[in-house]
C-alpha atoms as a PDB file:
ATOM      1  CA  UNK A   1       0.000   0.000   0.000  1.00  0.00           C
ATOM      2  CA  UNK A   2       1.433   3.367  -1.009  1.00  0.00           C
ATOM      3  CA  UNK A   3      -0.643   6.506  -0.589  1.00  0.00           C
ATOM      4  CA  UNK A   4       0.343  10.126  -0.218  1.00  0.00           C
ATOM      5  CA  UNK A   5      -0.669  11.148   3.293  1.00  0.00           C
ATOM      6  CA  UNK A   6      -1.627  14.800   3.701  1.00  0.00           C
ATOM      7  CA  UNK A   7      -1.069  16.115   7.244  1.00  0.00           C
ATOM      8  CA  UNK A   8      -3.000  19.153   8.436  1.00  0.00           C
ATOM      9  CA  UNK A   9      -2.009  20.724  11.747  1.00  0.00           C
ATOM     10  CA  UNK A  10      -5.249  22.570  12.315  1.00  0.00           C
ATOM     11  CA  UNK A  11      -5.373  26.231  13.250  1.00  0.00           C
ATOM     12  CA  UNK A  12      -7.831  29.110  12.762  1.00  0.00           C
ATOM     13  CA  UNK A  13      -6.450  29.887   9.313  1.00  0.00           C
ATOM     14  CA  UNK A  14      -6.504  26.426   7.704  1.00  0.00           C
ATOM     15  CA  UNK A  15      -9.233  24.542   9.594  1.00  0.00           C
ATOM     16  CA  UNK A  16     -12.113  25.260   7.207  1.00  0.00           C
ATOM     17  CA  UNK A  17     -10.160  24.244   4.092  1.00  0.00           C
ATOM     18  CA  UNK A  18      -8.625  21.197   5.769  1.00  0.00           C
ATOM     19  CA  UNK A  19     -11.992  19.942   6.989  1.00  0.00           C
ATOM     20  CA  UNK A  20     -13.588  20.525   3.581  1.00  0.00           C
ATOM     21  CA  UNK A  21     -10.817  18.502   1.920  1.00  0.00           C
ATOM     22  CA  UNK A  22     -11.049  15.703   4.499  1.00  0.00           C
ATOM     23  CA  UNK A  23     -14.834  15.562   4.115  1.00  0.00           C
ATOM     24  CA  UNK A  24     -14.492  15.299   0.340  1.00  0.00           C
ATOM     25  CA  UNK A  25     -11.971  12.466   0.782  1.00  0.00           C
ATOM     26  CA  UNK A  26     -14.447  10.579   2.969  1.00  0.00           C
ATOM     27  CA  UNK A  27     -17.304  11.051   0.512  1.00  0.00           C
ATOM     28  CA  UNK A  28     -15.026   9.771  -2.270  1.00  0.00           C
ATOM     29  CA  UNK A  29     -14.244   6.578  -0.340  1.00  0.00           C
ATOM     30  CA  UNK A  30     -10.894   7.589   1.159  1.00  0.00           C
ATOM     31  CA  UNK A  31      -9.396   7.323   4.639  1.00  0.00           C
ATOM     32  CA  UNK A  32      -9.063  10.168   7.148  1.00  0.00           C
ATOM     33  CA  UNK A  33      -7.427   9.961  10.567  1.00  0.00           C
ATOM     34  CA  UNK A  34      -8.865  12.438  13.057  1.00  0.00           C
ATOM     35  CA  UNK A  35      -8.761  13.184  16.791  1.00  0.00           C
ATOM     36  CA  UNK A  36     -11.489  12.316  19.238  1.00  0.00           C
ATOM     37  CA  UNK A  37     -11.601  12.818  22.991  1.00  0.00           C
ATOM     38  CA  UNK A  38     -10.566   9.162  23.464  1.00  0.00           C
ATOM     39  CA  UNK A  39      -7.919   8.281  20.823  1.00  0.00           C
ATOM     40  CA  UNK A  40      -7.332   9.129  17.170  1.00  0.00           C
ATOM     41  CA  UNK A  41      -9.695   7.329  14.808  1.00  0.00           C
ATOM     42  CA  UNK A  42      -9.193   6.070  11.255  1.00  0.00           C
ATOM     43  CA  UNK A  43     -12.356   7.047   9.430  1.00  0.00           C
ATOM     44  CA  UNK A  44     -14.174   5.940   6.297  1.00  0.00           C
ATOM     45  CA  UNK A  45     -17.734   6.281   5.019  1.00  0.00           C
ATOM     46  CA  UNK A  46     -19.611   3.743   7.158  1.00  0.00           C
ATOM     47  CA  UNK A  47     -22.215   3.173   4.435  1.00  0.00           C
ATOM     48  CA  UNK A  48     -19.642   2.109   1.802  1.00  0.00           C
ATOM     49  CA  UNK A  49     -18.363  -1.464   1.994  1.00  0.00           C
ATOM     50  CA  UNK A  50     -15.450  -0.585  -0.294  1.00  0.00           C
ATOM     51  CA  UNK A  51     -14.392   2.377   1.845  1.00  0.00           C
ATOM     52  CA  UNK A  52     -14.638   0.311   5.030  1.00  0.00           C
ATOM     53  CA  UNK A  53     -12.486  -2.389   3.451  1.00  0.00           C
ATOM     54  CA  UNK A  54      -9.790   0.257   3.145  1.00  0.00           C
ATOM     55  CA  UNK A  55      -9.693   0.596   6.938  1.00  0.00           C
ATOM     56  CA  UNK A  56      -9.026  -3.119   7.389  1.00  0.00           C
ATOM     57  CA  UNK A  57      -6.318  -3.066   4.698  1.00  0.00           C
ATOM     58  CA  UNK A  58      -4.533   0.001   6.095  1.00  0.00           C
ATOM     59  CA  UNK A  59      -4.543  -1.310   9.667  1.00  0.00           C
ATOM     60  CA  UNK A  60      -3.956  -4.951   8.693  1.00  0.00           C
ATOM     61  CA  UNK A  61      -6.960  -5.573  10.914  1.00  0.00           C
ATOM     62  CA  UNK A  62      -8.652  -8.990  10.840  1.00  0.00           C
ATOM     63  CA  UNK A  63     -12.189  -9.070   9.470  1.00  0.00           C
ATOM     64  CA  UNK A  64     -13.515 -10.600  12.718  1.00  0.00           C
ATOM     65  CA  UNK A  65     -12.925  -7.329  14.639  1.00  0.00           C
ATOM     66  CA  UNK A  66     -15.918  -4.973  14.110  1.00  0.00           C
ATOM     67  CA  UNK A  67     -15.826  -1.179  13.877  1.00  0.00           C
ATOM     68  CA  UNK A  68     -17.579   1.661  15.693  1.00  0.00           C
ATOM     69  CA  UNK A  69     -19.775   4.017  13.683  1.00  0.00           C
ATOM     70  CA  UNK A  70     -19.513   7.694  14.664  1.00  0.00           C
ATOM     71  CA  UNK A  71     -22.472  10.058  14.377  1.00  0.00           C
ATOM     72  CA  UNK A  72     -22.869  13.825  14.886  1.00  0.00           C
ATOM     73  CA  UNK A  73     -25.739  13.419  17.367  1.00  0.00           C
ATOM     74  CA  UNK A  74     -28.366  11.001  18.684  1.00  0.00           C
ATOM     75  CA  UNK A  75     -30.874  12.219  16.109  1.00  0.00           C
ATOM     76  CA  UNK A  76     -28.795  10.417  13.448  1.00  0.00           C
ATOM     77  CA  UNK A  77     -29.226   6.992  15.117  1.00  0.00           C
ATOM     78  CA  UNK A  78     -32.027   5.871  12.723  1.00  0.00           C
ATOM     79  CA  UNK A  79     -29.516   6.078   9.836  1.00  0.00           C
ATOM     80  CA  UNK A  80     -27.529   3.140  11.215  1.00  0.00           C
ATOM     81  CA  UNK A  81     -29.683   1.355  13.830  1.00  0.00           C
ATOM     82  CA  UNK A  82     -33.212  -0.016  14.101  1.00  0.00           C
ATOM     83  CA  UNK A  83     -35.490  -0.839  17.026  1.00  0.00           C
ATOM     84  CA  UNK A  84     -33.576   1.615  19.205  1.00  0.00           C
ATOM     85  CA  UNK A  85     -34.804   1.149  22.788  1.00  0.00           C
ATOM     86  CA  UNK A  86     -35.743   4.078  25.055  1.00  0.00           C
ATOM     87  CA  UNK A  87     -32.748   3.229  27.266  1.00  0.00           C
ATOM     88  CA  UNK A  88     -30.417   4.102  24.380  1.00  0.00           C
ATOM     89  CA  UNK A  89     -31.844   7.611  24.178  1.00  0.00           C
ATOM     90  CA  UNK A  90     -31.698   7.990  27.958  1.00  0.00           C
ATOM     91  CA  UNK A  91     -28.015   7.015  27.910  1.00  0.00           C
ATOM     92  CA  UNK A  92     -27.389   9.325  24.957  1.00  0.00           C
ATOM     93  CA  UNK A  93     -28.978  12.229  26.810  1.00  0.00           C
ATOM     94  CA  UNK A  94     -26.638  11.610  29.749  1.00  0.00           C
ATOM     95  CA  UNK A  95     -23.359  10.611  28.069  1.00  0.00           C
ATOM     96  CA  UNK A  96     -23.388  11.900  24.465  1.00  0.00           C
ATOM     97  CA  UNK A  97     -21.424  13.532  23.091  1.00  0.00           C
ATOM     98  CA  UNK A  98     -18.892  11.415  24.918  1.00  0.00           C
ATOM     99  CA  UNK A  99     -16.910   8.234  25.380  1.00  0.00           C
ATOM    100  CA  UNK A 100     -19.824   5.766  25.393  1.00  0.00           C
ATOM    101  CA  UNK A 101     -20.520   3.335  22.542  1.00  0.00           C
ATOM    102  CA  UNK A 102     -23.885   1.572  22.327  1.00  0.00           C
ATOM    103  CA  UNK A 103     -24.417  -1.757  20.551  1.00  0.00           C
ATOM    104  CA  UNK A 104     -27.810  -1.793  18.819  1.00  0.00           C
ATOM    105  CA  UNK A 105     -29.627  -3.753  16.078  1.00  0.00           C
ATOM    106  CA  UNK A 106     -28.062  -2.878  12.718  1.00  0.00           C
ATOM    107  CA  UNK A 107     -29.820  -0.898   9.989  1.00  0.00           C
ATOM    108  CA  UNK A 108     -29.720  -2.688   6.585  1.00  0.00           C
ATOM    109  CA  UNK A 109     -27.839   0.297   5.135  1.00  0.00           C
ATOM    110  CA  UNK A 110     -24.774  -0.535   7.251  1.00  0.00           C
ATOM    111  CA  UNK A 111     -22.534  -3.008   5.395  1.00  0.00           C
ATOM    112  CA  UNK A 112     -21.745  -6.280   7.132  1.00  0.00           C
ATOM    113  CA  UNK A 113     -18.068  -5.404   6.719  1.00  0.00           C
ATOM    114  CA  UNK A 114     -18.548  -2.811   9.484  1.00  0.00           C
ATOM    115  CA  UNK A 115     -20.051  -5.313  11.930  1.00  0.00           C
ATOM    116  CA  UNK A 116     -17.948  -8.393  11.067  1.00  0.00           C
ATOM    117  CA  UNK A 117     -21.091 -10.063   9.743  1.00  0.00           C
ATOM    118  CA  UNK A 118     -23.076  -9.536  12.926  1.00  0.00           C
ATOM    119  CA  UNK A 119     -26.644  -8.143  13.040  1.00  0.00           C
ATOM    120  CA  UNK A 120     -25.641  -5.461  15.551  1.00  0.00           C
ATOM    121  CA  UNK A 121     -23.756  -2.197  15.154  1.00  0.00           C
ATOM    122  CA  UNK A 122     -21.643  -0.222  17.644  1.00  0.00           C
ATOM    123  CA  UNK A 123     -22.418   3.520  17.613  1.00  0.00           C
ATOM    124  CA  UNK A 124     -21.196   6.622  19.404  1.00  0.00           C
ATOM    125  CA  UNK A 125     -21.168  10.430  19.203  1.00  0.00           C
ATOM    126  CA  UNK A 126     -17.628  11.764  19.774  1.00  0.00           C
ATOM    127  CA  UNK A 127     -17.021  14.782  21.999  1.00  0.00           C
ATOM    128  CA  UNK A 128     -14.307  16.565  20.042  1.00  0.00           C
ATOM    129  CA  UNK A 129     -14.768  19.698  17.916  1.00  0.00           C
ATOM    130  CA  UNK A 130     -12.717  18.356  14.994  1.00  0.00           C
ATOM    131  CA  UNK A 131     -14.548  15.015  14.954  1.00  0.00           C
ATOM    132  CA  UNK A 132     -17.875  16.844  15.141  1.00  0.00           C
ATOM    133  CA  UNK A 133     -16.914  19.239  12.352  1.00  0.00           C
ATOM    134  CA  UNK A 134     -15.742  16.381  10.138  1.00  0.00           C
ATOM    135  CA  UNK A 135     -18.969  14.441  10.658  1.00  0.00           C
ATOM    136  CA  UNK A 136     -21.100  17.430   9.769  1.00  0.00           C
ATOM    137  CA  UNK A 137     -18.967  18.478   6.796  1.00  0.00           C
ATOM    138  CA  UNK A 138     -18.895  14.979   5.287  1.00  0.00           C
ATOM    139  CA  UNK A 139     -22.594  14.298   5.785  1.00  0.00           C
ATOM    140  CA  UNK A 140     -21.991  10.570   6.255  1.00  0.00           C
ATOM    141  CA  UNK A 141     -21.663   8.310   9.308  1.00  0.00           C
ATOM    142  CA  UNK A 142     -17.977   7.550   9.864  1.00  0.00           C
ATOM    143  CA  UNK A 143     -16.738   4.063  10.733  1.00  0.00           C
ATOM    144  CA  UNK A 144     -13.562   4.535  12.745  1.00  0.00           C
ATOM    145  CA  UNK A 145     -11.408   2.203  14.803  1.00  0.00           C
ATOM    146  CA  UNK A 146      -8.209   3.534  16.366  1.00  0.00           C
ATOM    147  CA  UNK A 147      -5.759   4.927  13.806  1.00  0.00           C
ATOM    148  CA  UNK A 148      -2.881   2.492  14.349  1.00  0.00           C
ATOM    149  CA  UNK A 149      -1.604  -0.804  12.983  1.00  0.00           C
ATOM    150  CA  UNK A 150      -3.633  -3.675  14.354  1.00  0.00           C
ATOM    151  CA  UNK A 151      -2.783  -4.806  17.925  1.00  0.00           C
ATOM    152  CA  UNK A 152      -0.454  -1.830  18.487  1.00  0.00           C
ATOM    153  CA  UNK A 153      -0.906   0.719  21.301  1.00  0.00           C
ATOM    154  CA  UNK A 154      -3.620   3.156  20.285  1.00  0.00           C
ATOM    155  CA  UNK A 155      -2.605   6.620  19.020  1.00  0.00           C
ATOM    156  CA  UNK A 156      -3.206   9.672  21.171  1.00  0.00           C
ATOM    157  CA  UNK A 157      -1.269  12.105  18.944  1.00  0.00           C
ATOM    158  CA  UNK A 158      -1.014  12.642  15.198  1.00  0.00           C
ATOM    159  CA  UNK A 159       2.653  11.599  15.407  1.00  0.00           C
ATOM    160  CA  UNK A 160       1.548   8.150  16.615  1.00  0.00           C
ATOM    161  CA  UNK A 161      -0.811   7.905  13.626  1.00  0.00           C
ATOM    162  CA  UNK A 162       1.913   8.805  11.144  1.00  0.00           C
ATOM    163  CA  UNK A 163       4.348   6.354  12.734  1.00  0.00           C
ATOM    164  CA  UNK A 164       1.925   3.487  12.105  1.00  0.00           C
ATOM    165  CA  UNK A 165      -0.098   4.579   9.069  1.00  0.00           C
ATOM    166  CA  UNK A 166       1.941   7.142   7.154  1.00  0.00           C
ATOM    167  CA  UNK A 167       1.633   6.248   3.466  1.00  0.00           C
ATOM    168  CA  UNK A 168      -1.472   4.146   4.175  1.00  0.00           C
ATOM    169  CA  UNK A 169      -4.126   6.848   4.665  1.00  0.00           C
ATOM    170  CA  UNK A 170      -5.100   9.918   2.681  1.00  0.00           C
ATOM    171  CA  UNK A 171      -5.425  12.615   5.356  1.00  0.00           C
ATOM    172  CA  UNK A 172      -4.347  13.069   8.975  1.00  0.00           C
ATOM    173  CA  UNK A 173      -5.964  15.893  10.945  1.00  0.00           C
ATOM    174  CA  UNK A 174      -3.701  16.943  13.821  1.00  0.00           C
ATOM    175  CA  UNK A 175      -5.765  18.262  16.715  1.00  0.00           C
ATOM    176  CA  UNK A 176      -3.188  17.768  19.454  1.00  0.00           C
ATOM    177  CA  UNK A 177      -3.168  15.144  22.196  1.00  0.00           C
ATOM    178  CA  UNK A 178      -6.382  13.329  23.130  1.00  0.00           C
ATOM    179  CA  UNK A 179      -7.928  14.331  26.451  1.00  0.00           C
ATOM    180  CA  UNK A 180      -9.060  10.946  27.802  1.00  0.00           C
ATOM    181  CA  UNK A 181      -6.452   8.649  26.266  1.00  0.00           C
ATOM    182  CA  UNK A 182      -8.305   5.306  26.285  1.00  0.00           C
ATOM    183  CA  UNK A 183     -11.109   4.172  24.003  1.00  0.00           C
ATOM    184  CA  UNK A 184     -14.831   4.446  24.642  1.00  0.00           C
ATOM    185  CA  UNK A 185     -16.828   2.204  26.931  1.00  0.00           C
ATOM    186  CA  UNK A 186     -18.949  -0.276  24.941  1.00  0.00           C
ATOM    187  CA  UNK A 187     -22.406  -1.141  26.267  1.00  0.00           C
ATOM    188  CA  UNK A 188     -24.483  -3.835  24.549  1.00  0.00           C
ATOM    189  CA  UNK A 189     -28.216  -3.012  24.689  1.00  0.00           C
ATOM    190  CA  UNK A 190     -29.277  -6.024  22.595  1.00  0.00           C
ATOM    191  CA  UNK A 191     -29.063  -8.302  25.660  1.00  0.00           C
ATOM    192  CA  UNK A 192     -31.143  -8.365  28.836  1.00  0.00           C
ATOM    193  CA  UNK A 193     -29.679  -7.277  31.157  1.00  0.00           C
ATOM    194  CA  UNK A 194     -27.344  -4.969  29.215  1.00  0.00           C
ATOM    195  CA  UNK A 195     -23.689  -6.048  29.015  1.00  0.00           C
ATOM    196  CA  UNK A 196     -20.536  -3.980  29.351  1.00  0.00           C
ATOM    197  CA  UNK A 197     -18.324  -5.397  26.588  1.00  0.00           C
ATOM    198  CA  UNK A 198     -15.349  -3.050  27.018  1.00  0.00           C
ATOM    199  CA  UNK A 199     -14.362  -0.734  29.852  1.00  0.00           C
ATOM    200  CA  UNK A 200     -13.449   2.729  28.670  1.00  0.00           C
ATOM    201  CA  UNK A 201     -13.781   6.466  29.062  1.00  0.00           C
ATOM    202  CA  UNK A 202     -17.158   6.336  30.831  1.00  0.00           C
ATOM    203  CA  UNK A 203     -16.697   4.477  34.131  1.00  0.00           C
ATOM    204  CA  UNK A 204     -18.812   1.459  35.039  1.00  0.00           C
ATOM    205  CA  UNK A 205     -19.940   3.218  38.216  1.00  0.00           C
ATOM    206  CA  UNK A 206     -21.462   6.102  36.233  1.00  0.00           C
ATOM    207  CA  UNK A 207     -23.344   3.730  33.918  1.00  0.00           C
ATOM    208  CA  UNK A 208     -24.830   1.794  36.823  1.00  0.00           C
ATOM    209  CA  UNK A 209     -26.576   4.959  37.973  1.00  0.00           C
ATOM    210  CA  UNK A 210     -28.834   4.559  34.910  1.00  0.00           C
ATOM    211  CA  UNK A 211     -28.413   0.807  34.335  1.00  0.00           C
ATOM    212  CA  UNK A 212     -28.250  -0.773  37.808  1.00  0.00           C
ATOM    213  CA  UNK A 213     -28.481  -4.335  36.445  1.00  0.00           C
ATOM    214  CA  UNK A 214     -25.558  -3.826  34.049  1.00  0.00           C
ATOM    215  CA  UNK A 215     -23.390  -6.962  33.707  1.00  0.00           C
ATOM    216  CA  UNK A 216     -19.621  -6.683  33.237  1.00  0.00           C
ATOM    217  CA  UNK A 217     -18.212  -9.186  30.720  1.00  0.00           C
ATOM    218  CA  UNK A 218     -14.491  -9.605  30.084  1.00  0.00           C
ATOM    219  CA  UNK A 219     -13.953 -11.159  26.669  1.00  0.00           C
ATOM    220  CA  UNK A 220     -10.682 -12.709  25.536  1.00  0.00           C
ATOM    221  CA  UNK A 221     -11.455 -13.423  21.904  1.00  0.00           C
ATOM    222  CA  UNK A 222      -9.006 -15.605  19.970  1.00  0.00           C
ATOM    223  CA  UNK A 223      -7.910 -14.934  16.410  1.00  0.00           C
ATOM    224  CA  UNK A 224     -10.385 -17.342  14.805  1.00  0.00           C
ATOM    225  CA  UNK A 225     -13.431 -16.060  16.741  1.00  0.00           C
ATOM    226  CA  UNK A 226     -15.680 -13.108  15.881  1.00  0.00           C
ATOM    227  CA  UNK A 227     -15.295 -10.335  18.434  1.00  0.00           C
ATOM    228  CA  UNK A 228     -18.535  -9.078  20.037  1.00  0.00           C
ATOM    229  CA  UNK A 229     -17.088  -5.559  20.032  1.00  0.00           C
ATOM    230  CA  UNK A 230     -13.880  -3.747  19.074  1.00  0.00           C
ATOM    231  CA  UNK A 231     -10.961  -4.144  21.461  1.00  0.00           C
ATOM    232  CA  UNK A 232     -12.016  -7.525  22.874  1.00  0.00           C
ATOM    233  CA  UNK A 233      -9.335  -9.690  21.265  1.00  0.00           C
ATOM    234  CA  UNK A 234      -6.912 -11.158  23.803  1.00  0.00           C
ATOM    235  CA  UNK A 235      -3.874  -9.534  22.163  1.00  0.00           C
ATOM    236  CA  UNK A 236      -4.441  -5.828  21.671  1.00  0.00           C
ATOM    237  CA  UNK A 237      -2.793  -2.480  22.479  1.00  0.00           C
ATOM    238  CA  UNK A 238       0.552  -4.315  22.674  1.00  0.00           C
ATOM    239  CA  UNK A 239       3.971  -2.613  22.488  1.00  0.00           C
ATOM    240  CA  UNK A 240       6.794  -4.352  20.625  1.00  0.00           C
ATOM    241  CA  UNK A 241       8.580  -5.105  23.918  1.00  0.00           C
ATOM    242  CA  UNK A 242       6.972  -7.871  26.022  1.00  0.00           C
ATOM    243  CA  UNK A 243       4.750  -6.585  28.806  1.00  0.00           C
ATOM    244  CA  UNK A 244       3.974  -8.309  32.119  1.00  0.00           C
ATOM    245  CA  UNK A 245       1.355  -7.192  34.625  1.00  0.00           C
ATOM    246  CA  UNK A 246       1.968  -7.627  38.364  1.00  0.00           C
ATOM    247  CA  UNK A 247      -0.753  -7.542  41.013  1.00  0.00           C
ATOM    248  CA  UNK A 248      -1.133  -8.329  44.717  1.00  0.00           C
ATOM    249  CA  UNK A 249      -2.496  -7.015  48.002  1.00  0.00           C
ATOM    250  CA  UNK A 250       0.883  -6.293  49.616  1.00  0.00           C
ATOM    251  CA  UNK A 251       2.439  -3.341  47.775  1.00  0.00           C
ATOM    252  CA  UNK A 252       5.941  -3.968  49.105  1.00  0.00           C
ATOM    253  CA  UNK A 253       5.902  -7.608  47.996  1.00  0.00           C
ATOM    254  CA  UNK A 254       4.686  -6.568  44.557  1.00  0.00           C
ATOM    255  CA  UNK A 255       7.489  -4.029  44.294  1.00  0.00           C
ATOM    256  CA  UNK A 256      10.094  -6.594  45.350  1.00  0.00           C
ATOM    257  CA  UNK A 257       8.851  -8.992  42.671  1.00  0.00           C
ATOM    258  CA  UNK A 258       8.904  -6.216  40.067  1.00  0.00           C
ATOM    259  CA  UNK A 259      12.490  -5.349  40.951  1.00  0.00           C
ATOM    260  CA  UNK A 260      13.538  -8.999  40.798  1.00  0.00           C
ATOM    261  CA  UNK A 261      11.899  -9.468  37.404  1.00  0.00           C
ATOM    262  CA  UNK A 262      13.505  -6.275  36.088  1.00  0.00           C
ATOM    263  CA  UNK A 263      16.966  -7.547  37.006  1.00  0.00           C
ATOM    264  CA  UNK A 264      16.282 -10.971  35.493  1.00  0.00           C
ATOM    265  CA  UNK A 265      14.894  -9.617  32.217  1.00  0.00           C
ATOM    266  CA  UNK A 266      17.447  -6.858  31.631  1.00  0.00           C
ATOM    267  CA  UNK A 267      20.013  -7.529  28.923  1.00  0.00           C
ATOM    268  CA  UNK A 268      23.442  -6.005  28.256  1.00  0.00           C
ATOM    269  CA  UNK A 269      21.882  -4.005  25.422  1.00  0.00           C
ATOM    270  CA  UNK A 270      18.560  -3.023  27.002  1.00  0.00           C
ATOM    271  CA  UNK A 271      17.313  -2.782  30.587  1.00  0.00           C
ATOM    272  CA  UNK A 272      13.850  -3.834  31.667  1.00  0.00           C
ATOM    273  CA  UNK A 273      11.667  -1.006  32.972  1.00  0.00           C
ATOM    274  CA  UNK A 274       9.244  -0.991  35.900  1.00  0.00           C
ATOM    275  CA  UNK A 275       6.136   1.120  35.268  1.00  0.00           C
ATOM    276  CA  UNK A 276       4.325   2.207  38.441  1.00  0.00           C
ATOM    277  CA  UNK A 277       0.724   3.334  38.843  1.00  0.00           C
ATOM    278  CA  UNK A 278       0.716   3.868  42.626  1.00  0.00           C
ATOM    279  CA  UNK A 279       3.110   4.942  45.407  1.00  0.00           C
ATOM    280  CA  UNK A 280       5.729   2.213  45.802  1.00  0.00           C
ATOM    281  CA  UNK A 281       7.329   1.663  49.250  1.00  0.00           C
ATOM    282  CA  UNK A 282      10.551   0.169  47.974  1.00  0.00           C
ATOM    283  CA  UNK A 283      14.234   0.981  47.392  1.00  0.00           C
ATOM    284  CA  UNK A 284      14.602   0.829  43.612  1.00  0.00           C
ATOM    285  CA  UNK A 285      18.388   1.110  43.561  1.00  0.00           C
ATOM    286  CA  UNK A 286      19.754  -0.241  40.285  1.00  0.00           C
ATOM    287  CA  UNK A 287      16.290  -0.612  38.682  1.00  0.00           C
ATOM    288  CA  UNK A 288      14.886   1.645  35.932  1.00  0.00           C
ATOM    289  CA  UNK A 289      11.540   2.942  37.197  1.00  0.00           C
ATOM    290  CA  UNK A 290       8.962   5.144  35.471  1.00  0.00           C
ATOM    291  CA  UNK A 291       5.657   6.433  36.874  1.00  0.00           C
ATOM    292  CA  UNK A 292       2.504   6.406  34.773  1.00  0.00           C
ATOM    293  CA  UNK A 293       0.848   9.067  36.918  1.00  0.00           C
ATOM    294  CA  UNK A 294      -0.822   9.757  40.234  1.00  0.00           C
ATOM    295  CA  UNK A 295      -4.494   9.539  39.228  1.00  0.00           C
ATOM    296  CA  UNK A 296      -6.827   7.432  37.113  1.00  0.00           C
ATOM    297  CA  UNK A 297      -7.077  10.252  34.565  1.00  0.00           C
ATOM    298  CA  UNK A 298      -3.291  10.497  34.325  1.00  0.00           C
ATOM    299  CA  UNK A 299      -2.942   6.732  33.832  1.00  0.00           C
ATOM    300  CA  UNK A 300      -5.461   6.796  30.984  1.00  0.00           C
ATOM    301  CA  UNK A 301      -4.092   9.926  29.356  1.00  0.00           C
ATOM    302  CA  UNK A 302      -0.456   8.754  29.395  1.00  0.00           C
ATOM    303  CA  UNK A 303      -0.822   4.991  28.934  1.00  0.00           C
ATOM    304  CA  UNK A 304      -0.434   4.504  25.196  1.00  0.00           C
ATOM    305  CA  UNK A 305       2.119   7.278  24.695  1.00  0.00           C
ATOM    306  CA  UNK A 306       4.202   5.791  27.512  1.00  0.00           C
ATOM    307  CA  UNK A 307       4.090   2.282  26.047  1.00  0.00           C
ATOM    308  CA  UNK A 308       5.153   3.638  22.654  1.00  0.00           C
ATOM    309  CA  UNK A 309       7.998   5.624  24.213  1.00  0.00           C
ATOM    310  CA  UNK A 310       9.314   2.638  26.186  1.00  0.00           C
ATOM    311  CA  UNK A 311       8.924  -0.184  23.668  1.00  0.00           C
ATOM    312  CA  UNK A 312      12.183   0.476  21.792  1.00  0.00           C
ATOM    313  CA  UNK A 313      14.206   1.402  24.898  1.00  0.00           C
ATOM    314  CA  UNK A 314      13.390  -1.549  27.161  1.00  0.00           C
ATOM    315  CA  UNK A 315      13.844  -5.306  26.952  1.00  0.00           C
ATOM    316  CA  UNK A 316      10.563  -5.729  28.847  1.00  0.00           C
ATOM    317  CA  UNK A 317       7.890  -3.502  30.409  1.00  0.00           C
ATOM    318  CA  UNK A 318       6.860  -4.633  33.899  1.00  0.00           C
ATOM    319  CA  UNK A 319       3.717  -2.894  35.114  1.00  0.00           C
ATOM    320  CA  UNK A 320       2.258  -2.481  38.587  1.00  0.00           C
ATOM    321  CA  UNK A 321      -1.467  -3.152  38.043  1.00  0.00           C
ATOM    322  CA  UNK A 322      -3.846  -0.265  38.790  1.00  0.00           C
ATOM    323  CA  UNK A 323      -6.997  -0.667  40.911  1.00  0.00           C
ATOM    324  CA  UNK A 324      -9.966  -1.792  38.817  1.00  0.00           C
ATOM    325  CA  UNK A 325     -12.225   1.144  39.686  1.00  0.00           C
ATOM    326  CA  UNK A 326     -13.245   4.209  37.677  1.00  0.00           C
ATOM    327  CA  UNK A 327     -10.939   4.768  34.707  1.00  0.00           C
ATOM    328  CA  UNK A 328      -8.545   2.316  36.364  1.00  0.00           C
ATOM    329  CA  UNK A 329     -10.732  -0.522  35.049  1.00  0.00           C
ATOM    330  CA  UNK A 330     -10.181   0.649  31.469  1.00  0.00           C
ATOM    331  CA  UNK A 331      -6.434   1.008  32.058  1.00  0.00           C
ATOM    332  CA  UNK A 332      -6.331  -2.492  33.592  1.00  0.00           C
ATOM    333  CA  UNK A 333      -8.142  -3.900  30.542  1.00  0.00           C
ATOM    334  CA  UNK A 334      -5.674  -2.299  28.118  1.00  0.00           C
ATOM    335  CA  UNK A 335      -2.675  -3.532  30.113  1.00  0.00           C
ATOM    336  CA  UNK A 336      -4.125  -7.040  30.473  1.00  0.00           C
ATOM    337  CA  UNK A 337      -4.542  -7.295  26.697  1.00  0.00           C
ATOM    338  CA  UNK A 338      -1.147  -5.704  26.021  1.00  0.00           C
ATOM    339  CA  UNK A 339       0.272  -8.479  28.229  1.00  0.00           C
ATOM    340  CA  UNK A 340      -1.837 -11.103  26.364  1.00  0.00           C
ATOM    341  CA  UNK A 341      -3.311 -12.102  29.726  1.00  0.00           C
ATOM    342  CA  UNK A 342       0.081 -12.608  31.414  1.00  0.00           C
ATOM    343  CA  UNK A 343      -0.663 -11.509  34.981  1.00  0.00           C
ATOM    344  CA  UNK A 344       1.688 -12.376  37.840  1.00  0.00           C
ATOM    345  CA  UNK A 345      -0.114 -12.458  41.179  1.00  0.00           C
ATOM    346  CA  UNK A 346       2.235 -11.838  44.093  1.00  0.00           C
ATOM    347  CA  UNK A 347       1.082 -13.567  47.284  1.00  0.00           C
END
């Protein structure tokens, strides 16, 4: 694949022309990477099977991993979904525009390529001015997974997009770093009770205020299986360096095990790095230690950029697991999949 990729760093002077060009590219069946509040998305016309196929080719994404369709507002839902339940509109009123994706019965106009052959479609309304402007300028629903090579850490800057997809997409709209940093929460409303298929930017606790019977499902889909939602394959978000996740109730014991593993996995050429999410009562002498942040929001915002920055400098990335509450649940999910389920529990 060899395309010329046009990068626009948006400002007041060029935004209108850049968005008009990007919208025309989408209507013509091309690919546009654009920022959202979660991560950068790789967009194509969701109603064109040929355009959607371009997403899978550019990302080298398997056909069993469905896409999310982005809309400008809840009023556009009937374009892509049918039999929309009242709960969907109640959730939209509370969380849209925002980092919540709803799985609903698919409209016949949506190609099966978008949904990996399934009769349901994942839909959200992004809360980012550039994403909103692009949706309105193009006049079409936009299918958009994260704008990275398949299974790589998701992109939270335009530089990440270009590193993975330069020469594979037509346009990249640079809107700066993403505010949330992890993908949307995916809530399946086609089951009773509703199912949380992927933790994300809207915490489980907030959803349960409206959906008290919400069930949390953790899927670890293998390569030959059809994923119920994007981001549910076992290997996902993975840096090129191996990643291991460490958990336990005694923080000092966890730290000691992290330090031991770092020494064992370091090589003469590259050291292993310990990545902390919480205060660590330990003497780290002789061990390379980085801190992801001091809050759930910081963990989410910095996660993917940190993994990308460390992957070529470390022989292994050894991560102290975050608590599975609030945004920490989404960060845990991304780390668990980046580690391909390799969790070391320290007793």
